[in-house]
Amino acid sequence: MRLLRLDPGQAFKKSAKVVGDVMGNFHPHGDQAIYDALVRLAQDFAQRYPLVDGQGNFGNIDGDNAAAMRYTEARLTEVARLLIDGIDEDAVDFRGTYDGTNEEPMVLPAAFPNLLANGSQGIAVGMATAIPPHNAAELCDAALFLIDNPKARSRTLLKYVKGPDFPTGGIIVDTPETIAEAYNTGRGSFRVRARWKQEDTGRGTYVIVISEIPWLVQKSRLVERLAELINERSCRWLRTCAMNRPKMSGWSSSRARVRLTPN
């Protein structure tokens, strides 16, 4: 996209053009895999700091797919520009592309902590990674402290990076000790629930308003699961609900467990 001059502030270009150039010059695999990656980089509910500024239908938090690449347009964001800033100044090493006709950088200059800020998920032969997204300002504060104190311990750095920062918000219900253990050992998980509040609607009724849901949880699937639990009569307060039929909502964790509360 840099070679196509799709910098922030410049005009958008069709995603099909971007996908075609990537497939022909750098990536020997199918166009759909390339477009799926581009779409994800443009979704503000999937990326804490999107790297692609998309124009058109790039999907939504309900799980709907993006429009075909011939309909959408894209360009780089300011964050993406920071990742490649200085790439023409001999800052990183280059290697030949898959067909040897061009060169590609082995790593990016990366003036932005993208790996921790946006997180990373992947699996390889005998290994896997699942890094949650973090707040960029906290990461920069921790990096500056680490430069001045290269032997700083994880416990000290946790004063700057207190935990993940998910793009869809939510509340981490694990204790600070559990979070610290995950950072110290590199193994662990974070349980996240939705953020909600109760609003009085008068005449003894009220509703639960959900403003944030756990990361990577599809909103449509969350609603479906809530309806399933209600229909299965597995709610402990179902007897009260049957008397006054209030609306219902609740929270879902990243481990796909759902707990209902009366609306």
Protein backbone atom coordinates (compact mmCIF):
# COMPACT_ATOMS: atom_id res chain seq x y z
CA MET A 1 0.00 0.00 0.00
CA ARG A 2 2.96 2.29 0.53
CA LEU A 3 4.13 1.60 -3.02
CA LEU A 4 0.65 2.49 -4.26
CA ARG A 5 0.91 5.83 -2.40
CA LEU A 6 -2.05 5.03 -0.21
CA ASP A 7 -0.80 7.22 2.63
CA PRO A 8 -3.14 8.84 5.16
CA GLY A 9 -4.81 11.84 3.60
CA GLN A 10 -4.42 10.52 0.06
CA ALA A 11 -7.26 9.20 -2.06
CA PHE A 12 -8.63 5.72 -1.47
CA LYS A 13 -8.07 2.91 -3.97
CA LYS A 14 -10.06 -0.23 -4.60
CA SER A 15 -9.19 -3.11 -2.30
CA ALA A 16 -9.00 -5.34 -5.37
CA LYS A 17 -6.05 -3.27 -6.62
CA VAL A 18 -4.24 -3.70 -3.31
CA VAL A 19 -4.94 -7.44 -3.19
CA GLY A 20 -3.80 -7.92 -6.78
CA ASP A 21 -0.48 -6.15 -6.24
CA VAL A 22 0.20 -8.06 -3.03
CA MET A 23 -0.56 -11.41 -4.65
CA GLY A 24 1.49 -10.67 -7.74
CA ASN A 25 4.53 -9.13 -6.06
CA PHE A 26 4.77 -10.43 -2.49
CA HIS A 27 2.30 -13.16 -1.55
CA PRO A 28 2.04 -16.35 -3.62
CA HIS A 29 -1.26 -17.52 -2.11
CA GLY A 30 -4.92 -16.86 -2.83
CA ASP A 31 -6.58 -13.48 -3.05
CA GLN A 32 -9.20 -14.28 -0.42
CA ALA A 33 -6.61 -14.82 2.30
CA ILE A 34 -5.02 -11.46 1.47
CA TYR A 35 -8.36 -9.65 1.46
CA ASP A 36 -9.40 -11.26 4.76
CA ALA A 37 -6.21 -9.90 6.33
CA LEU A 38 -6.87 -6.43 4.90
CA VAL A 39 -10.44 -6.48 6.20
CA ARG A 40 -9.37 -7.43 9.70
CA LEU A 41 -6.77 -4.66 9.78
CA ALA A 42 -9.56 -2.17 9.02
CA GLN A 43 -12.05 -3.34 11.67
CA ASP A 44 -11.99 -1.07 14.71
CA PHE A 45 -13.76 -3.73 16.78
CA ALA A 46 -11.04 -6.31 15.99
CA GLN A 47 -7.96 -4.04 16.07
CA ARG A 48 -7.22 -1.74 18.98
CA TYR A 49 -5.41 0.55 16.52
CA PRO A 50 -6.51 -0.22 12.92
CA LEU A 51 -3.75 -0.18 10.31
CA VAL A 52 -6.08 0.21 7.34
CA ASP A 53 -8.58 3.01 6.81
CA GLY A 54 -11.45 1.33 5.01
CA GLN A 55 -14.23 2.88 2.97
CA GLY A 56 -17.30 0.75 2.39
CA ASN A 57 -18.67 -2.33 4.11
CA PHE A 58 -15.87 -3.98 6.09
CA GLY A 59 -18.14 -6.13 8.25
CA ASN A 60 -19.51 -5.42 11.70
CA ILE A 61 -19.48 -6.66 15.26
CA ASP A 62 -22.50 -8.87 14.55
CA GLY A 63 -20.29 -11.14 12.46
CA ASP A 64 -21.52 -10.06 9.02
CA ASN A 65 -18.94 -10.43 6.26
CA ALA A 66 -17.34 -7.54 4.42
CA ALA A 67 -18.40 -6.64 0.90
CA ALA A 68 -16.43 -8.03 -2.03
CA MET A 69 -13.06 -6.44 -2.67
CA ARG A 70 -14.30 -4.81 -5.87
CA TYR A 71 -16.71 -2.67 -3.80
CA THR A 72 -14.48 -1.55 -0.89
CA GLU A 73 -11.61 0.92 -0.85
CA ALA A 74 -8.66 1.31 1.49
CA ARG A 75 -5.63 3.36 2.47
CA LEU A 76 -3.14 3.37 5.35
CA THR A 77 -3.76 4.90 8.76
CA GLU A 78 -1.34 7.07 10.72
CA VAL A 79 -0.45 4.07 12.87
CA ALA A 80 0.48 2.05 9.78
CA ARG A 81 2.60 4.94 8.55
CA LEU A 82 4.59 4.80 11.78
CA LEU A 83 5.28 1.11 11.21
CA ILE A 84 6.99 1.78 7.86
CA ASP A 85 8.48 5.18 8.62
CA GLY A 86 12.17 5.16 7.61
CA ILE A 87 11.96 1.98 5.54
CA ASP A 88 13.81 3.73 2.67
CA GLU A 89 16.63 4.86 4.93
CA ASP A 90 18.45 1.51 5.23
CA ALA A 91 16.91 0.96 8.66
CA VAL A 92 16.12 -2.75 8.14
CA ASP A 93 17.41 -5.65 6.06
CA PHE A 94 15.69 -6.79 2.87
CA ARG A 95 15.38 -10.17 1.20
CA GLY A 96 14.12 -11.40 -2.15
CA THR A 97 10.43 -12.06 -2.69
CA TYR A 98 9.09 -15.53 -3.43
CA ASP A 99 9.93 -15.27 -7.16
CA GLY A 100 13.10 -13.23 -6.74
CA THR A 101 11.93 -10.30 -8.85
CA ASN A 102 11.52 -7.82 -5.97
CA GLU A 103 12.71 -7.25 -2.44
CA GLU A 104 10.73 -7.14 0.77
CA PRO A 105 11.76 -6.08 4.30
CA MET A 106 12.56 -8.86 6.76
CA VAL A 107 11.05 -6.73 9.53
CA LEU A 108 9.46 -3.29 9.64
CA PRO A 109 11.14 -0.26 11.25
CA ALA A 110 8.12 -0.14 13.56
CA ALA A 111 8.07 3.18 15.35
CA PHE A 112 4.89 1.86 16.98
CA PRO A 113 4.62 -1.17 19.35
CA ASN A 114 2.13 -2.96 17.11
CA LEU A 115 2.73 -6.51 18.38
CA LEU A 116 1.62 -5.59 21.89
CA ALA A 117 -0.76 -2.75 21.02
CA ASN A 118 -2.88 -4.75 18.57
CA GLY A 119 -2.03 -8.19 19.89
CA SER A 120 -1.34 -11.29 17.85
CA GLN A 121 -2.88 -14.72 17.47
CA GLY A 122 -1.41 -17.62 15.56
CA ILE A 123 -0.35 -21.23 15.59
CA ALA A 124 2.65 -22.98 14.09
CA VAL A 125 4.33 -26.37 14.34
CA GLY A 126 4.57 -27.10 18.05
CA MET A 127 3.93 -23.56 19.21
CA ALA A 128 1.19 -20.95 19.42
CA THR A 129 0.69 -17.40 20.59
CA ALA A 130 -2.25 -15.36 21.79
CA ILE A 131 -1.24 -11.83 22.78
CA PRO A 132 -4.10 -9.53 23.80
CA PRO A 133 -4.15 -5.86 22.70
CA HIS A 134 -2.82 -3.17 25.04
CA ASN A 135 -2.98 0.58 25.44
CA ALA A 136 -0.26 2.24 23.35
CA ALA A 137 0.36 5.07 25.84
CA GLU A 138 0.96 2.56 28.65
CA LEU A 139 3.31 0.55 26.42
CA CYS A 140 5.34 3.65 25.57
CA ASP A 141 5.64 4.61 29.23
CA ALA A 142 6.85 1.09 30.05
CA ALA A 143 9.31 1.14 27.13
CA LEU A 144 10.79 4.46 28.23
CA PHE A 145 11.20 3.14 31.76
CA LEU A 146 12.79 -0.06 30.41
CA ILE A 147 15.32 1.94 28.38
CA ASP A 148 16.47 3.74 31.52
CA ASN A 149 16.22 0.56 33.64
CA PRO A 150 17.04 -2.42 31.41
CA LYS A 151 17.03 -4.85 34.36
CA ALA A 152 13.54 -3.88 35.51
CA ARG A 153 11.35 -6.77 36.65
CA SER A 154 7.91 -7.63 35.37
CA ARG A 155 6.37 -6.54 38.66
CA THR A 156 7.77 -3.04 38.13
CA LEU A 157 6.61 -2.84 34.50
CA LEU A 158 3.10 -3.83 35.59
CA LYS A 159 2.86 -0.43 37.26
CA TYR A 160 2.78 1.02 33.74
CA VAL A 161 0.95 -1.77 31.85
CA LYS A 162 -1.80 -2.87 34.19
CA GLY A 163 -3.43 -5.30 31.77
CA PRO A 164 -4.97 -5.70 28.30
CA ASP A 165 -6.98 -2.94 26.63
CA PHE A 166 -9.60 -4.47 24.35
CA PRO A 167 -11.07 -2.48 21.42
CA THR A 168 -14.64 -3.42 22.40
CA GLY A 169 -14.11 -2.59 26.05
CA GLY A 170 -15.47 -4.87 28.74
CA ILE A 171 -14.33 -5.59 32.30
CA ILE A 172 -11.58 -8.06 33.23
CA VAL A 173 -12.89 -10.02 36.21
CA ASP A 174 -9.60 -11.71 37.12
CA THR A 175 -7.71 -10.50 40.18
CA PRO A 176 -4.56 -8.38 39.83
CA GLU A 177 -2.56 -11.36 41.13
CA THR A 178 -3.90 -13.58 38.32
CA ILE A 179 -3.11 -10.95 35.70
CA ALA A 180 0.41 -10.49 37.09
CA GLU A 181 0.98 -14.24 37.00
CA ALA A 182 0.03 -14.38 33.33
CA TYR A 183 2.57 -11.67 32.50
CA ASN A 184 5.30 -13.22 34.65
CA THR A 185 4.99 -16.73 33.19
CA GLY A 186 3.69 -16.00 29.70
CA ARG A 187 0.82 -18.41 30.29
CA GLY A 188 -2.69 -17.60 31.39
CA SER A 189 -6.03 -16.25 30.29
CA PHE A 190 -8.24 -13.23 30.91
CA ARG A 191 -11.92 -13.53 31.69
CA VAL A 192 -13.88 -10.58 30.33
CA ARG A 193 -17.50 -9.63 30.90
CA ALA A 194 -19.69 -6.95 29.40
CA ARG A 195 -20.10 -3.51 30.93
CA TRP A 196 -23.72 -2.74 31.75
CA LYS A 197 -25.86 -0.45 33.81
CA GLN A 198 -29.41 -0.46 35.07
CA GLU A 199 -31.85 2.21 33.91
CA ASP A 200 -35.18 2.81 35.61
CA THR A 201 -38.11 2.95 33.18
CA GLY A 202 -40.75 3.82 35.78
CA ARG A 203 -43.68 1.89 37.27
CA GLY A 204 -41.35 -0.54 38.99
CA THR A 205 -39.64 -1.69 35.80
CA TYR A 206 -36.11 -1.25 34.59
CA VAL A 207 -33.82 -2.32 31.75
CA ILE A 208 -30.20 -3.40 31.56
CA VAL A 209 -28.20 -1.42 28.99
CA ILE A 210 -25.02 -3.10 27.70
CA SER A 211 -22.45 -0.61 26.39
CA GLU A 212 -19.38 -2.86 25.97
CA ILE A 213 -19.06 -6.56 25.16
CA PRO A 214 -16.06 -8.91 25.35
CA TRP A 215 -13.52 -8.83 22.55
CA LEU A 216 -14.11 -11.21 19.61
CA VAL A 217 -17.60 -12.08 20.85
CA GLN A 218 -20.18 -11.58 18.12
CA LYS A 219 -23.07 -9.47 19.34
CA SER A 220 -25.61 -11.48 17.36
CA ARG A 221 -24.32 -14.73 18.87
CA LEU A 222 -24.50 -13.20 22.34
CA VAL A 223 -28.15 -12.29 21.83
CA GLU A 224 -28.90 -15.78 20.48
CA ARG A 225 -27.29 -17.43 23.48
CA LEU A 226 -29.26 -15.26 25.87
CA ALA A 227 -32.49 -16.25 24.10
CA GLU A 228 -31.52 -19.94 24.26
CA LEU A 229 -31.00 -19.81 28.01
CA ILE A 230 -34.31 -18.07 28.50
CA ASN A 231 -36.16 -20.62 26.36
CA GLU A 232 -34.47 -23.48 28.21
CA ARG A 233 -35.76 -22.03 31.48
CA SER A 234 -32.30 -22.28 32.99
CA CYS A 235 -32.50 -18.87 34.71
CA ARG A 236 -32.79 -18.98 38.48
CA TRP A 237 -35.08 -15.95 38.46
CA LEU A 238 -37.37 -17.30 35.73
CA ARG A 239 -40.29 -17.50 38.13
CA THR A 240 -40.04 -13.78 38.86
CA CYS A 241 -39.53 -13.08 35.17
CA ALA A 242 -42.71 -14.94 34.27
CA MET A 243 -44.67 -12.70 36.62
CA ASN A 244 -43.38 -9.38 35.32
CA ARG A 245 -41.87 -10.16 31.90
CA PRO A 246 -39.04 -7.62 32.05
CA LYS A 247 -36.48 -7.41 29.27
CA MET A 248 -33.30 -9.37 29.85
CA SER A 249 -29.65 -9.00 29.14
CA GLY A 250 -26.37 -10.13 30.60
CA TRP A 251 -22.71 -10.70 30.09
CA SER A 252 -20.61 -13.18 28.20
CA SER A 253 -16.98 -14.12 28.78
CA SER A 254 -14.30 -14.83 26.24
CA ARG A 255 -14.63 -18.45 27.36
CA ALA A 256 -18.13 -18.52 25.88
CA ARG A 257 -19.92 -18.69 29.24
CA VAL A 258 -23.02 -16.59 29.66
CA ARG A 259 -24.74 -15.41 32.84
CA LEU A 260 -28.10 -13.69 32.71
CA THR A 261 -29.40 -10.92 34.92
CA PRO A 262 -32.99 -9.60 34.94
CA ASN A 263 -33.71 -6.47 32.92
